Amino acid sequence: MDVPVLKRLITVEEFHRMGDAGVFPPEERIELIDGEIVSMTPIGPRHAGCVNRLTRRLVPKLGSILQLTPQNPIILNDTTEPQPDIVLVRARADDYSQAHPRPQDVVLVVEVADSSAEYDRRIKLPRGRPRRPAQPAGPVRRGHRRRRRAAP
C-alpha cells in the first residue's frame, strides 16, 4: 500500500521570514516555486554574458516609464517568487525598495536558460500564465532558441 507523501508548502511571507531569520546562507541561490524552496543553478560565464548583453542593450531604450531589474525576485502569487534573469517593470519612485514587483507591475520577463532550460520551460514559464502564446523574439544565433512571452 502506497502512503501519500505530504508536503508542507510555504508562502512568500514565510519564505521572507525564514530569510530574515538567517535560515538560508546569504550566498545560497534559491527561489520559491509553488510553495517549494528550489535551488537555482549556478550562473556560468555564458549565462552572465548573455544577461549582461541584454541589460546593456535594453537599458538605454527604456526611458522613464520602465526600469530593468536583473536577477531580482517578482512575487507572482502567495506561494511563488521566482528570480528571473531580467524583468522589465513599470517605473516606481521607490525603485521597488518597499516591495517586490507583482504581476501588474511586470511588462516583460526574460529567463536565460542553458542547463536549466527544460525546468524553466516545464515549471517556471507556465507560472507566469501569459496572456498570449509564446512568439519568437528574434533571430536565433549559435543554436540557441529565444522565446517571447507576454507579461504574467
Foldseek 3Di string as FASTA:
>chain_A
DDDDDDDDFAWPVVVVVCVVVVVDPPPFAWWFFQRDIDGDDDQDPVNVVVLVVVCVVVQVVPPQQKDKDAQAWEDADGGGIGRAGIWIFTDDPVRCPPHHHYLVGTFFGDHDDDPCVVVCVPGVVVSQVAPDDWDFPDDDPPPDGGIGGGGD
